Amino acid sequence: MYTDATGKSHRVLGFCDLTEAKTFQELKVSGKLSFEKISCDEVSVSGKCEGGSIAAQNLKVSGTCNGDSIIAKNFSVSGKVEVNSLTVEQTLRISGKPQIDSVTADELIIATRSGFLGDVKCRKIRIFDDTDKIFGKGFAEYLSSSSRVQVNNIEADTVALENCTVEVIRCKDAFINSNCAIEKLFVSGECKVSANSTVGETIRT
């Protein structure tokens, strides 16, 4: 279903192909959404979302999201997201596997055991392993420690990580929980590191 600029509603079940720039009030797709450029208040996709760029107030995807750039006030995805540039004004929630080159958000919450993030800038970031929640308590112990979220750089006020490999972190407060490997940590405030995680170099700023 989509509500166009005139307020008229349309329902989309199956395949929705938007090859030209479109502006909507609301867009809901059950199936596949293929787009070039979309500007919309509310976007909800259950299935596959792929194309160029999206600008939305609230964006929710259950399935797969592939694109060049996404700008949203709030964005939640359950499944797989592959995006070059992702900018979220408030909260970004990912439950699944991210593959994102550049992320900017106020708050970033990722529940996963694998994936890649390039450059991350946010006020608060939390990455945690939800394997036990999905498969039962203790299941993560059977998985290799090499199965981690790979991150290049993080700049944030508060960082709370689990099951991550990160090259560089710059933050105020750092909470490095289980199964993390950090190359360089620049921290000015509170710093806690789990016994089974490693930090190559800690630099007080």
N, C-alpha and C. Protein backbone atom coordinates (compact mmCIF):
# COMPACT_ATOMS: atom_id res chain seq x y z
N MET A 1 0.83 -1.17 0.00
CA MET A 1 0.00 0.00 0.00
C MET A 1 0.88 1.24 0.00
N TYR A 2 0.53 2.23 -0.77
CA TYR A 2 1.22 3.50 -0.67
C TYR A 2 0.22 4.64 -0.80
N THR A 3 0.53 5.72 -0.09
CA THR A 3 -0.27 6.93 -0.13
C THR A 3 0.54 7.98 -0.86
N ASP A 4 0.07 8.41 -2.00
CA ASP A 4 0.84 9.35 -2.80
C ASP A 4 0.70 10.78 -2.27
N ALA A 5 1.32 11.71 -2.96
CA ALA A 5 1.35 13.11 -2.50
C ALA A 5 -0.05 13.72 -2.44
N THR A 6 -1.00 13.16 -3.19
CA THR A 6 -2.37 13.69 -3.19
C THR A 6 -3.21 13.10 -2.06
N GLY A 7 -2.65 12.08 -1.37
CA GLY A 7 -3.38 11.44 -0.28
C GLY A 7 -4.10 10.16 -0.70
N LYS A 8 -3.99 9.78 -1.97
CA LYS A 8 -4.63 8.57 -2.46
C LYS A 8 -3.82 7.35 -2.04
N SER A 9 -4.51 6.28 -1.59
CA SER A 9 -3.85 5.07 -1.13
C SER A 9 -3.83 4.00 -2.21
N HIS A 10 -2.73 3.25 -2.28
CA HIS A 10 -2.58 2.15 -3.22
C HIS A 10 -1.95 0.97 -2.47
N ARG A 11 -2.35 -0.22 -2.81
CA ARG A 11 -1.86 -1.43 -2.13
C ARG A 11 -0.93 -2.20 -3.06
N VAL A 12 0.24 -2.61 -2.53
CA VAL A 12 1.22 -3.35 -3.32
C VAL A 12 1.48 -4.70 -2.66
N LEU A 13 1.13 -5.76 -3.37
CA LEU A 13 1.43 -7.13 -2.95
C LEU A 13 2.19 -7.79 -4.10
N GLY A 14 3.46 -8.14 -3.84
CA GLY A 14 4.25 -8.74 -4.90
C GLY A 14 5.43 -7.86 -5.24
N PHE A 15 5.48 -7.36 -6.48
CA PHE A 15 6.64 -6.61 -6.95
C PHE A 15 6.28 -5.15 -7.20
N CYS A 16 7.05 -4.24 -6.61
CA CYS A 16 6.84 -2.81 -6.81
C CYS A 16 8.12 -2.22 -7.40
N ASP A 17 8.05 -1.72 -8.62
CA ASP A 17 9.21 -1.18 -9.32
C ASP A 17 9.04 0.33 -9.49
N LEU A 18 9.90 1.10 -8.82
CA LEU A 18 9.85 2.55 -8.91
C LEU A 18 11.15 3.03 -9.55
N THR A 19 11.16 3.13 -10.89
CA THR A 19 12.36 3.47 -11.63
C THR A 19 12.62 4.97 -11.69
N GLU A 20 11.61 5.77 -11.31
CA GLU A 20 11.79 7.21 -11.28
C GLU A 20 11.67 7.71 -9.84
N ALA A 21 12.17 8.92 -9.60
CA ALA A 21 12.08 9.51 -8.26
C ALA A 21 10.62 9.67 -7.86
N LYS A 22 10.27 9.19 -6.66
CA LYS A 22 8.90 9.24 -6.18
C LYS A 22 8.83 9.84 -4.78
N THR A 23 7.73 10.52 -4.50
CA THR A 23 7.47 11.07 -3.17
C THR A 23 6.14 10.53 -2.67
N PHE A 24 6.15 9.94 -1.45
CA PHE A 24 4.95 9.35 -0.87
C PHE A 24 4.78 9.85 0.55
N GLN A 25 3.57 9.72 1.04
CA GLN A 25 3.33 9.89 2.47
C GLN A 25 3.61 8.58 3.19
N GLU A 26 3.15 7.48 2.61
CA GLU A 26 3.30 6.17 3.22
C GLU A 26 3.48 5.12 2.14
N LEU A 27 4.39 4.18 2.39
CA LEU A 27 4.66 3.10 1.43
C LEU A 27 4.80 1.79 2.18
N LYS A 28 3.94 0.81 1.84
CA LYS A 28 4.01 -0.52 2.43
C LYS A 28 4.06 -1.55 1.32
N VAL A 29 5.06 -2.43 1.38
CA VAL A 29 5.22 -3.44 0.34
C VAL A 29 5.39 -4.81 0.99
N SER A 30 4.60 -5.78 0.54
CA SER A 30 4.79 -7.18 0.91
C SER A 30 5.26 -7.89 -0.34
N GLY A 31 6.57 -8.18 -0.40
CA GLY A 31 7.15 -8.78 -1.59
C GLY A 31 8.49 -8.15 -1.88
N LYS A 32 8.61 -7.51 -3.04
CA LYS A 32 9.89 -6.91 -3.43
C LYS A 32 9.69 -5.47 -3.87
N LEU A 33 10.52 -4.58 -3.32
CA LEU A 33 10.51 -3.18 -3.70
C LEU A 33 11.82 -2.86 -4.41
N SER A 34 11.73 -2.44 -5.66
CA SER A 34 12.89 -2.02 -6.43
C SER A 34 12.73 -0.54 -6.75
N PHE A 35 13.74 0.27 -6.43
CA PHE A 35 13.57 1.71 -6.53
C PHE A 35 14.83 2.40 -7.01
N GLU A 36 14.65 3.62 -7.51
CA GLU A 36 15.76 4.47 -7.88
C GLU A 36 15.99 5.52 -6.79
N LYS A 37 14.92 6.25 -6.47
CA LYS A 37 14.99 7.27 -5.42
C LYS A 37 13.62 7.45 -4.81
N ILE A 38 13.53 7.35 -3.47
CA ILE A 38 12.25 7.45 -2.77
C ILE A 38 12.36 8.48 -1.65
N SER A 39 11.34 9.33 -1.54
CA SER A 39 11.19 10.23 -0.40
C SER A 39 9.82 9.95 0.21
N CYS A 40 9.79 9.59 1.50
CA CYS A 40 8.53 9.13 2.09
C CYS A 40 8.55 9.33 3.60
N ASP A 41 7.36 9.56 4.18
CA ASP A 41 7.27 9.67 5.63
C ASP A 41 7.45 8.30 6.29
N GLU A 42 6.65 7.33 5.84
CA GLU A 42 6.67 6.00 6.44
C GLU A 42 6.90 4.94 5.36
N VAL A 43 7.94 4.12 5.54
CA VAL A 43 8.24 3.03 4.61
C VAL A 43 8.31 1.72 5.39
N SER A 44 7.54 0.72 4.95
CA SER A 44 7.55 -0.59 5.58
C SER A 44 7.62 -1.65 4.49
N VAL A 45 8.66 -2.49 4.54
CA VAL A 45 8.84 -3.53 3.53
C VAL A 45 8.98 -4.88 4.22
N SER A 46 8.16 -5.82 3.81
CA SER A 46 8.27 -7.20 4.26
C SER A 46 8.67 -8.02 3.06
N GLY A 47 9.96 -8.36 2.98
CA GLY A 47 10.47 -9.06 1.81
C GLY A 47 11.83 -8.53 1.44
N LYS A 48 11.95 -7.97 0.21
CA LYS A 48 13.24 -7.47 -0.27
C LYS A 48 13.11 -6.03 -0.73
N CYS A 49 14.07 -5.21 -0.28
CA CYS A 49 14.10 -3.79 -0.63
C CYS A 49 15.46 -3.49 -1.25
N GLU A 50 15.50 -3.08 -2.52
CA GLU A 50 16.79 -2.85 -3.16
C GLU A 50 16.70 -1.71 -4.16
N GLY A 51 17.81 -0.95 -4.26
CA GLY A 51 17.82 0.14 -5.23
C GLY A 51 18.83 1.21 -4.89
N GLY A 52 18.44 2.47 -5.14
CA GLY A 52 19.36 3.58 -4.99
C GLY A 52 19.31 4.21 -3.62
N SER A 53 18.49 5.26 -3.44
CA SER A 53 18.48 6.00 -2.18
C SER A 53 17.07 6.15 -1.63
N ILE A 54 16.98 6.16 -0.29
CA ILE A 54 15.72 6.35 0.42
C ILE A 54 15.90 7.47 1.45
N ALA A 55 14.94 8.39 1.48
CA ALA A 55 14.85 9.38 2.54
C ALA A 55 13.49 9.21 3.20
N ALA A 56 13.48 8.88 4.50
CA ALA A 56 12.22 8.56 5.17
C ALA A 56 12.26 9.02 6.62
N GLN A 57 11.07 9.26 7.18
CA GLN A 57 10.97 9.53 8.60
C GLN A 57 11.18 8.24 9.39
N ASN A 58 10.41 7.22 9.05
CA ASN A 58 10.52 5.93 9.71
C ASN A 58 10.58 4.83 8.66
N LEU A 59 11.61 4.02 8.74
CA LEU A 59 11.84 2.95 7.76
C LEU A 59 11.97 1.63 8.52
N LYS A 60 11.17 0.64 8.09
CA LYS A 60 11.21 -0.69 8.70
C LYS A 60 11.28 -1.75 7.61
N VAL A 61 12.26 -2.64 7.72
CA VAL A 61 12.43 -3.70 6.73
C VAL A 61 12.54 -5.04 7.46
N SER A 62 11.72 -6.00 7.04
CA SER A 62 11.82 -7.38 7.51
C SER A 62 12.20 -8.23 6.31
N GLY A 63 13.47 -8.63 6.25
CA GLY A 63 13.95 -9.39 5.11
C GLY A 63 15.33 -8.91 4.70
N THR A 64 15.44 -8.35 3.49
CA THR A 64 16.73 -7.90 2.96
C THR A 64 16.61 -6.48 2.45
N CYS A 65 17.63 -5.67 2.78
CA CYS A 65 17.67 -4.29 2.33
C CYS A 65 19.01 -4.01 1.67
N ASN A 66 19.00 -3.70 0.37
CA ASN A 66 20.20 -3.36 -0.38
C ASN A 66 20.03 -1.99 -1.00
N GLY A 67 21.04 -1.14 -0.89
CA GLY A 67 20.90 0.19 -1.48
C GLY A 67 22.18 0.98 -1.42
N ASP A 68 22.14 2.16 -2.04
CA ASP A 68 23.29 3.04 -2.05
C ASP A 68 23.33 3.89 -0.78
N SER A 69 22.24 4.60 -0.51
CA SER A 69 22.21 5.45 0.68
C SER A 69 20.82 5.47 1.29
N ILE A 70 20.78 5.55 2.62
CA ILE A 70 19.53 5.64 3.37
C ILE A 70 19.65 6.78 4.37
N ILE A 71 18.65 7.65 4.36
CA ILE A 71 18.54 8.72 5.35
C ILE A 71 17.19 8.58 6.02
N ALA A 72 17.18 8.45 7.34
CA ALA A 72 15.92 8.24 8.05
C ALA A 72 15.99 8.84 9.45
N LYS A 73 14.82 9.12 10.00
CA LYS A 73 14.76 9.56 11.39
C LYS A 73 14.95 8.36 12.30
N ASN A 74 14.23 7.26 12.01
CA ASN A 74 14.39 5.99 12.70
C ASN A 74 14.41 4.87 11.66
N PHE A 75 15.25 3.87 11.89
CA PHE A 75 15.37 2.77 10.94
C PHE A 75 15.56 1.47 11.70
N SER A 76 14.73 0.48 11.40
CA SER A 76 14.89 -0.85 12.00
C SER A 76 14.84 -1.89 10.89
N VAL A 77 15.76 -2.84 10.98
CA VAL A 77 15.80 -3.91 9.98
C VAL A 77 16.02 -5.24 10.69
N SER A 78 15.24 -6.22 10.29
CA SER A 78 15.38 -7.58 10.78
C SER A 78 15.72 -8.45 9.59
N GLY A 79 16.98 -8.85 9.49
CA GLY A 79 17.43 -9.62 8.34
C GLY A 79 18.80 -9.16 7.91
N LYS A 80 18.97 -8.91 6.62
CA LYS A 80 20.27 -8.53 6.06
C LYS A 80 20.19 -7.15 5.46
N VAL A 81 21.17 -6.29 5.77
CA VAL A 81 21.21 -4.95 5.21
C VAL A 81 22.59 -4.69 4.60
N GLU A 82 22.61 -4.30 3.33
CA GLU A 82 23.85 -3.96 2.62
C GLU A 82 23.68 -2.57 2.02
N VAL A 83 24.33 -1.58 2.63
CA VAL A 83 24.17 -0.18 2.24
C VAL A 83 25.54 0.50 2.28
N ASN A 84 25.79 1.37 1.32
CA ASN A 84 27.03 2.13 1.33
C ASN A 84 27.03 3.18 2.44
N SER A 85 25.99 4.01 2.48
CA SER A 85 25.90 5.10 3.44
C SER A 85 24.56 5.05 4.16
N LEU A 86 24.61 5.11 5.50
CA LEU A 86 23.39 5.05 6.30
C LEU A 86 23.43 6.15 7.36
N THR A 87 22.45 7.06 7.29
CA THR A 87 22.37 8.18 8.23
C THR A 87 21.01 8.14 8.92
N VAL A 88 21.02 8.02 10.25
CA VAL A 88 19.78 7.94 11.03
C VAL A 88 19.83 9.00 12.12
N GLU A 89 18.80 9.83 12.14
CA GLU A 89 18.78 10.95 13.09
C GLU A 89 18.65 10.48 14.53
N GLN A 90 17.84 9.45 14.76
CA GLN A 90 17.63 8.99 16.12
C GLN A 90 18.17 7.57 16.32
N THR A 91 17.32 6.55 16.19
CA THR A 91 17.73 5.19 16.55
C THR A 91 17.79 4.26 15.34
N LEU A 92 18.89 3.54 15.24
CA LEU A 92 19.08 2.51 14.23
C LEU A 92 19.15 1.16 14.94
N ARG A 93 18.23 0.26 14.57
CA ARG A 93 18.21 -1.08 15.15
C ARG A 93 18.39 -2.12 14.05
N ILE A 94 19.35 -3.00 14.24
CA ILE A 94 19.60 -4.06 13.27
C ILE A 94 19.62 -5.39 14.00
N SER A 95 18.79 -6.31 13.54
CA SER A 95 18.81 -7.68 14.02
C SER A 95 19.04 -8.56 12.81
N GLY A 96 20.27 -8.98 12.61
CA GLY A 96 20.62 -9.72 11.40
C GLY A 96 22.05 -9.45 11.04
N LYS A 97 22.35 -9.42 9.74
CA LYS A 97 23.73 -9.26 9.28
C LYS A 97 23.90 -7.95 8.54
N PRO A 98 24.67 -6.99 9.10
CA PRO A 98 24.90 -5.74 8.40
C PRO A 98 26.15 -5.79 7.53
N GLN A 99 26.13 -5.05 6.44
CA GLN A 99 27.28 -4.83 5.57
C GLN A 99 27.19 -3.36 5.14
N ILE A 100 27.75 -2.48 5.96
CA ILE A 100 27.56 -1.04 5.80
C ILE A 100 28.91 -0.34 5.83
N ASP A 101 29.19 0.48 4.82
CA ASP A 101 30.47 1.18 4.75
C ASP A 101 30.54 2.37 5.70
N SER A 102 29.46 3.15 5.79
CA SER A 102 29.47 4.35 6.62
C SER A 102 28.14 4.46 7.37
N VAL A 103 28.22 4.63 8.71
CA VAL A 103 27.03 4.72 9.55
C VAL A 103 27.11 5.95 10.45
N THR A 104 26.05 6.75 10.43
CA THR A 104 25.92 7.87 11.36
C THR A 104 24.55 7.78 12.01
N ALA A 105 24.51 7.80 13.34
CA ALA A 105 23.24 7.69 14.06
C ALA A 105 23.39 8.29 15.44
N ASP A 106 22.27 8.59 16.09
CA ASP A 106 22.33 9.01 17.48
C ASP A 106 22.57 7.78 18.34
N GLU A 107 21.73 6.77 18.16
CA GLU A 107 21.89 5.51 18.90
C GLU A 107 21.87 4.34 17.93
N LEU A 108 22.84 3.46 18.09
CA LEU A 108 22.98 2.30 17.21
C LEU A 108 22.93 1.04 18.05
N ILE A 109 21.94 0.17 17.76
CA ILE A 109 21.76 -1.09 18.48
C ILE A 109 21.78 -2.23 17.48
N ILE A 110 22.75 -3.12 17.60
CA ILE A 110 22.89 -4.23 16.66
C ILE A 110 22.92 -5.55 17.43
N ALA A 111 22.00 -6.44 17.10
CA ALA A 111 21.96 -7.77 17.69
C ALA A 111 22.35 -8.77 16.62
N THR A 112 23.59 -9.22 16.65
CA THR A 112 24.07 -10.15 15.62
C THR A 112 25.36 -10.81 16.07
N ARG A 113 25.83 -11.75 15.29
CA ARG A 113 27.10 -12.42 15.57
C ARG A 113 28.10 -12.23 14.46
N SER A 114 27.68 -11.62 13.34
CA SER A 114 28.59 -11.44 12.22
C SER A 114 28.18 -10.21 11.42
N GLY A 115 29.04 -9.80 10.49
CA GLY A 115 28.75 -8.66 9.65
C GLY A 115 29.92 -7.71 9.60
N PHE A 116 29.74 -6.59 8.91
CA PHE A 116 30.81 -5.60 8.74
C PHE A 116 30.25 -4.19 8.84
N LEU A 117 30.98 -3.33 9.56
CA LEU A 117 30.70 -1.91 9.63
C LEU A 117 32.00 -1.17 9.35
N GLY A 118 31.95 -0.18 8.46
CA GLY A 118 33.15 0.59 8.15
C GLY A 118 33.38 1.67 9.18
N ASP A 119 33.04 2.90 8.86
CA ASP A 119 33.19 4.03 9.77
C ASP A 119 31.87 4.30 10.48
N VAL A 120 31.90 4.31 11.82
CA VAL A 120 30.70 4.50 12.63
C VAL A 120 30.85 5.76 13.47
N LYS A 121 29.86 6.66 13.39
CA LYS A 121 29.82 7.85 14.23
C LYS A 121 28.45 7.91 14.89
N CYS A 122 28.43 7.94 16.22
CA CYS A 122 27.16 7.98 16.94
C CYS A 122 27.38 8.46 18.37
N ARG A 123 26.28 8.75 19.05
CA ARG A 123 26.37 9.11 20.46
C ARG A 123 26.54 7.86 21.31
N LYS A 124 25.78 6.81 20.97
CA LYS A 124 25.79 5.59 21.75
C LYS A 124 25.70 4.39 20.82
N ILE A 125 26.55 3.40 21.05
CA ILE A 125 26.52 2.19 20.24
C ILE A 125 26.56 0.96 21.15
N ARG A 126 25.70 0.00 20.80
CA ARG A 126 25.69 -1.27 21.51
C ARG A 126 25.60 -2.40 20.48
N ILE A 127 26.57 -3.28 20.51
CA ILE A 127 26.57 -4.47 19.65
C ILE A 127 26.65 -5.68 20.55
N PHE A 128 25.70 -6.59 20.42
CA PHE A 128 25.70 -7.76 21.27
C PHE A 128 25.34 -9.02 20.48
N ASP A 129 25.77 -10.14 21.00
CA ASP A 129 25.55 -11.44 20.37
C ASP A 129 24.22 -12.01 20.86
N ASP A 130 23.27 -12.19 19.94
CA ASP A 130 21.95 -12.70 20.32
C ASP A 130 21.78 -14.18 20.00
N THR A 131 22.91 -14.91 19.86
CA THR A 131 22.84 -16.32 19.49
C THR A 131 22.07 -17.15 20.52
N ASP A 132 22.37 -16.93 21.78
CA ASP A 132 21.68 -17.69 22.83
C ASP A 132 20.19 -17.44 22.83
N LYS A 133 19.79 -16.20 22.54
CA LYS A 133 18.37 -15.85 22.52
C LYS A 133 17.64 -16.61 21.42
N ILE A 134 18.33 -16.81 20.30
CA ILE A 134 17.69 -17.48 19.16
C ILE A 134 17.76 -18.99 19.29
N PHE A 135 18.95 -19.51 19.65
CA PHE A 135 19.17 -20.96 19.62
C PHE A 135 19.19 -21.64 20.99
N GLY A 136 19.12 -20.86 22.04
CA GLY A 136 19.15 -21.45 23.37
C GLY A 136 20.44 -21.13 24.11
N LYS A 137 20.36 -21.12 25.42
CA LYS A 137 21.50 -20.77 26.25
C LYS A 137 22.67 -21.71 26.03
N GLY A 138 23.88 -21.11 25.88
CA GLY A 138 25.09 -21.90 25.72
C GLY A 138 25.46 -22.24 24.30
N PHE A 139 24.59 -21.94 23.33
CA PHE A 139 24.87 -22.32 21.94
C PHE A 139 26.09 -21.59 21.40
N ALA A 140 26.30 -20.34 21.80
CA ALA A 140 27.42 -19.55 21.27
C ALA A 140 28.77 -20.16 21.60
N GLU A 141 28.84 -20.94 22.68
CA GLU A 141 30.10 -21.56 23.07
C GLU A 141 30.59 -22.56 22.04
N TYR A 142 29.69 -23.09 21.22
CA TYR A 142 30.07 -24.06 20.22
C TYR A 142 30.55 -23.41 18.93
N LEU A 143 30.38 -22.10 18.83
CA LEU A 143 30.78 -21.39 17.63
C LEU A 143 32.18 -20.81 17.78
N SER A 144 32.87 -20.67 16.67
CA SER A 144 34.24 -20.17 16.68
C SER A 144 34.27 -18.70 17.08
N SER A 145 35.34 -18.31 17.80
CA SER A 145 35.49 -16.91 18.19
C SER A 145 35.80 -16.03 16.99
N SER A 146 36.17 -16.64 15.84
CA SER A 146 36.44 -15.86 14.64
C SER A 146 35.16 -15.32 14.01
N SER A 147 34.01 -15.83 14.46
CA SER A 147 32.73 -15.33 13.97
C SER A 147 32.34 -14.11 14.77
N ARG A 148 32.83 -12.94 14.31
CA ARG A 148 32.61 -11.70 15.02
C ARG A 148 32.13 -10.62 14.05
N VAL A 149 31.59 -9.57 14.62
CA VAL A 149 31.27 -8.38 13.82
C VAL A 149 32.58 -7.62 13.59
N GLN A 150 32.89 -7.35 12.32
CA GLN A 150 34.11 -6.64 11.96
C GLN A 150 33.80 -5.15 11.81
N VAL A 151 34.57 -4.30 12.52
CA VAL A 151 34.34 -2.86 12.48
C VAL A 151 35.68 -2.15 12.25
N ASN A 152 35.70 -1.18 11.34
CA ASN A 152 36.92 -0.41 11.11
C ASN A 152 37.14 0.63 12.20
N ASN A 153 36.24 1.63 12.25
CA ASN A 153 36.41 2.73 13.20
C ASN A 153 35.10 3.08 13.89
N ILE A 154 35.18 3.39 15.19
CA ILE A 154 34.02 3.83 15.95
C ILE A 154 34.36 5.13 16.66
N GLU A 155 33.49 6.14 16.49
CA GLU A 155 33.57 7.39 17.25
C GLU A 155 32.23 7.56 17.95
N ALA A 156 32.25 7.56 19.30
CA ALA A 156 31.00 7.61 20.06
C ALA A 156 31.25 8.12 21.47
N ASP A 157 30.17 8.53 22.13
CA ASP A 157 30.28 8.88 23.55
C ASP A 157 30.38 7.61 24.38
N THR A 158 29.44 6.70 24.16
CA THR A 158 29.39 5.45 24.92
C THR A 158 29.45 4.26 23.98
N VAL A 159 30.36 3.35 24.27
CA VAL A 159 30.55 2.15 23.45
C VAL A 159 30.40 0.91 24.32
N ALA A 160 29.48 0.02 23.93
CA ALA A 160 29.30 -1.26 24.63
C ALA A 160 29.31 -2.36 23.57
N LEU A 161 30.33 -3.19 23.59
CA LEU A 161 30.52 -4.18 22.52
C LEU A 161 30.63 -5.59 23.07
N GLU A 162 30.18 -6.51 22.24
CA GLU A 162 30.31 -7.93 22.51
C GLU A 162 30.53 -8.64 21.18
N ASN A 163 31.50 -9.56 21.17
CA ASN A 163 31.73 -10.37 19.98
C ASN A 163 32.10 -9.52 18.76
N CYS A 164 33.06 -8.61 18.94
CA CYS A 164 33.47 -7.69 17.87
C CYS A 164 34.98 -7.66 17.70
N THR A 165 35.40 -7.41 16.47
CA THR A 165 36.79 -7.08 16.17
C THR A 165 36.80 -5.66 15.62
N VAL A 166 37.53 -4.76 16.28
CA VAL A 166 37.53 -3.34 15.90
C VAL A 166 38.96 -2.84 15.78
N GLU A 167 39.22 -2.07 14.72
CA GLU A 167 40.54 -1.51 14.54
C GLU A 167 40.78 -0.35 15.51
N VAL A 168 39.92 0.67 15.48
CA VAL A 168 40.11 1.86 16.32
C VAL A 168 38.79 2.29 16.94
N ILE A 169 38.81 2.58 18.24
CA ILE A 169 37.66 3.14 18.95
C ILE A 169 38.09 4.45 19.59
N ARG A 170 37.29 5.49 19.39
CA ARG A 170 37.48 6.78 20.07
C ARG A 170 36.19 7.09 20.82
N CYS A 171 36.27 7.18 22.14
CA CYS A 171 35.03 7.34 22.90
C CYS A 171 35.29 7.98 24.26
N LYS A 172 34.18 8.28 24.94
CA LYS A 172 34.28 8.74 26.32
C LYS A 172 34.29 7.54 27.26
N ASP A 173 33.23 6.71 27.21
CA ASP A 173 33.12 5.52 28.06
C ASP A 173 33.12 4.26 27.19
N ALA A 174 33.89 3.27 27.63
CA ALA A 174 34.00 2.02 26.87
C ALA A 174 33.71 0.82 27.76
N PHE A 175 32.83 -0.04 27.27
CA PHE A 175 32.50 -1.29 27.95
C PHE A 175 32.74 -2.42 26.96
N ILE A 176 33.91 -3.01 27.03
CA ILE A 176 34.31 -4.07 26.10
C ILE A 176 33.98 -5.39 26.77
N ASN A 177 32.89 -5.99 26.33
CA ASN A 177 32.41 -7.22 26.95
C ASN A 177 33.04 -8.45 26.31
N SER A 178 32.41 -9.60 26.38
CA SER A 178 33.05 -10.86 26.01
C SER A 178 33.38 -10.98 24.52
N ASN A 179 34.46 -11.71 24.26
CA ASN A 179 34.89 -12.13 22.91
C ASN A 179 35.11 -10.96 21.96
N CYS A 180 35.87 -9.95 22.41
CA CYS A 180 36.21 -8.82 21.55
C CYS A 180 37.72 -8.72 21.37
N ALA A 181 38.13 -8.21 20.22
CA ALA A 181 39.54 -7.93 19.95
C ALA A 181 39.63 -6.52 19.40
N ILE A 182 40.22 -5.61 20.19
CA ILE A 182 40.32 -4.21 19.82
C ILE A 182 41.80 -3.87 19.62
N GLU A 183 42.11 -3.25 18.48
CA GLU A 183 43.50 -2.88 18.24
C GLU A 183 43.90 -1.64 19.02
N LYS A 184 43.17 -0.54 18.87
CA LYS A 184 43.46 0.70 19.58
C LYS A 184 42.19 1.25 20.20
N LEU A 185 42.30 1.64 21.49
CA LEU A 185 41.17 2.21 22.20
C LEU A 185 41.56 3.56 22.79
N PHE A 186 40.96 4.63 22.27
CA PHE A 186 41.13 5.97 22.82
C PHE A 186 39.93 6.24 23.72
N VAL A 187 40.14 6.44 25.02
CA VAL A 187 39.04 6.58 25.96
C VAL A 187 39.36 7.67 26.97
N SER A 188 38.34 8.48 27.32
CA SER A 188 38.56 9.58 28.27
C SER A 188 37.85 9.37 29.60
N GLY A 189 36.88 8.47 29.64
CA GLY A 189 36.10 8.26 30.85
C GLY A 189 36.24 6.86 31.40
N GLU A 190 35.10 6.22 31.68
CA GLU A 190 35.09 4.88 32.25
C GLU A 190 35.52 3.85 31.21
N CYS A 191 36.31 2.88 31.65
CA CYS A 191 36.80 1.84 30.73
C CYS A 191 36.79 0.49 31.44
N LYS A 192 35.99 -0.44 30.91
CA LYS A 192 35.93 -1.79 31.45
C LYS A 192 36.14 -2.79 30.33
N VAL A 193 37.03 -3.75 30.55
CA VAL A 193 37.35 -4.75 29.53
C VAL A 193 37.18 -6.13 30.14
N SER A 194 36.40 -6.98 29.46
CA SER A 194 36.17 -8.35 29.92
C SER A 194 37.48 -9.15 29.91
N ALA A 195 37.56 -10.13 30.79
CA ALA A 195 38.76 -10.94 30.91
C ALA A 195 39.04 -11.75 29.64
N ASN A 196 38.00 -12.09 28.88
CA ASN A 196 38.24 -12.88 27.66
C ASN A 196 38.21 -12.02 26.40
N SER A 197 38.46 -10.72 26.57
CA SER A 197 38.64 -9.82 25.43
C SER A 197 40.02 -9.21 25.48
N THR A 198 40.50 -8.72 24.34
CA THR A 198 41.86 -8.15 24.29
C THR A 198 41.81 -6.75 23.69
N VAL A 199 42.64 -5.88 24.23
CA VAL A 199 42.84 -4.53 23.70
C VAL A 199 44.33 -4.34 23.46
N GLY A 200 44.72 -4.14 22.22
CA GLY A 200 46.13 -4.02 21.89
C GLY A 200 46.79 -2.82 22.55
N GLU A 201 46.11 -1.66 22.48
CA GLU A 201 46.66 -0.44 23.06
C GLU A 201 45.52 0.43 23.56
N THR A 202 45.63 0.84 24.83
CA THR A 202 44.66 1.77 25.42
C THR A 202 45.32 3.12 25.63
N ILE A 203 44.72 4.16 25.07
CA ILE A 203 45.27 5.50 25.14
C ILE A 203 44.27 6.41 25.85
N ARG A 204 44.68 6.98 26.97
CA ARG A 204 43.83 7.88 27.74
C ARG A 204 43.87 9.26 27.12
N THR A 205 42.68 9.86 26.88
CA THR A 205 42.62 11.18 26.24
C THR A 205 42.01 12.21 27.18
